[in-house]
Amino acid sequence: MIKFFRKIRRKLLSEGKTGKYLKYAIGEIVLVVIGILIALGINNWNSERLLREAAHQNLKVLKIIIDKDINHLQKSISFIDSVISQVDKLNITFQGNNTINEKTIFHLLELVIETNFDLKTNTLEALNQRGEFNALDEDIQQQITTYYSSLQKVIEREKISNDFIKMELQPYLLKYYSYALMNRANPWPTVQEYLKYDHRKSKIIDKSEFMKDANLEGQVFARFYQIKSQKEAYELAIITGNRLLKTIAILH
């Protein structure tokens, strides 16, 4: 092909057709530029295709992670419902409508159990670092962003609850109710091991002391508010997660 164009140029020059030669030379340059642009376009198209394929492969991995996330969140909601049940029993007790016994401390102890969601962002980071995220449709980009935003809210709500437990509720119970906590009826393995040689009579919470403890009642209410907010965050994350799973399923 190059020899063919060269022959044409020589013929035009030898015949003294300089004007035609210049027009031909310009035309040849234009053809070369067009060829380069076409090649670049094909290369870009191929690169984008490879990015989209890689992105969709990562979506399959993301689907597995979301399934696990939702399963964990559903278990967390079950735990929250159990804690709310303990709060209800304590609330009835504070109002004088329930008997105080060795189980009362267990209702309190369930309120100091922390929850920790393990946020995995490796796949999302991989999508961003390699430019695959931008290769996805805007709709699914928005859904992924919304989902991880909802998980961040889960983390934030859990931190608020866990900080309250460690800094307020747990120290208060250990300071004022440790005598009831150290009870052989307590099923916790650590307590059982610690009291394995203890033959002292177990104590239960003093009713008059408990009923007058407005500070504790306030902390129980605060814990109730926190876990209700946690549950809302869990439910929102599950909704956005399921919506994203449906979109991924359509794409595959």
Foldseek 3Di string as FASTA:
>chain_A
DVVVLVVVLVVCVVVVVVVVSVVSVVVVVVVVVVVVVVVVVVVVVVVLVVLQVVLLVLVVVVLVVLVVQLVLLVVLLVLLVVLLVLLVQVVCLLVVNDDFDLCNVVNLVSLLDADDRDDDCVSVVVCVVVVSLVSDDPVLNVLVVQLVVLVVQLRVLRVVSNCCSVPPSVVVCCVPPVLSVLFCVPPDPVSVVVCVVPPDDRDTDDSVVSNPPPVNNVSSVVSNVSSVSSNVSSVSSSVSSVVSSVVSVVVD
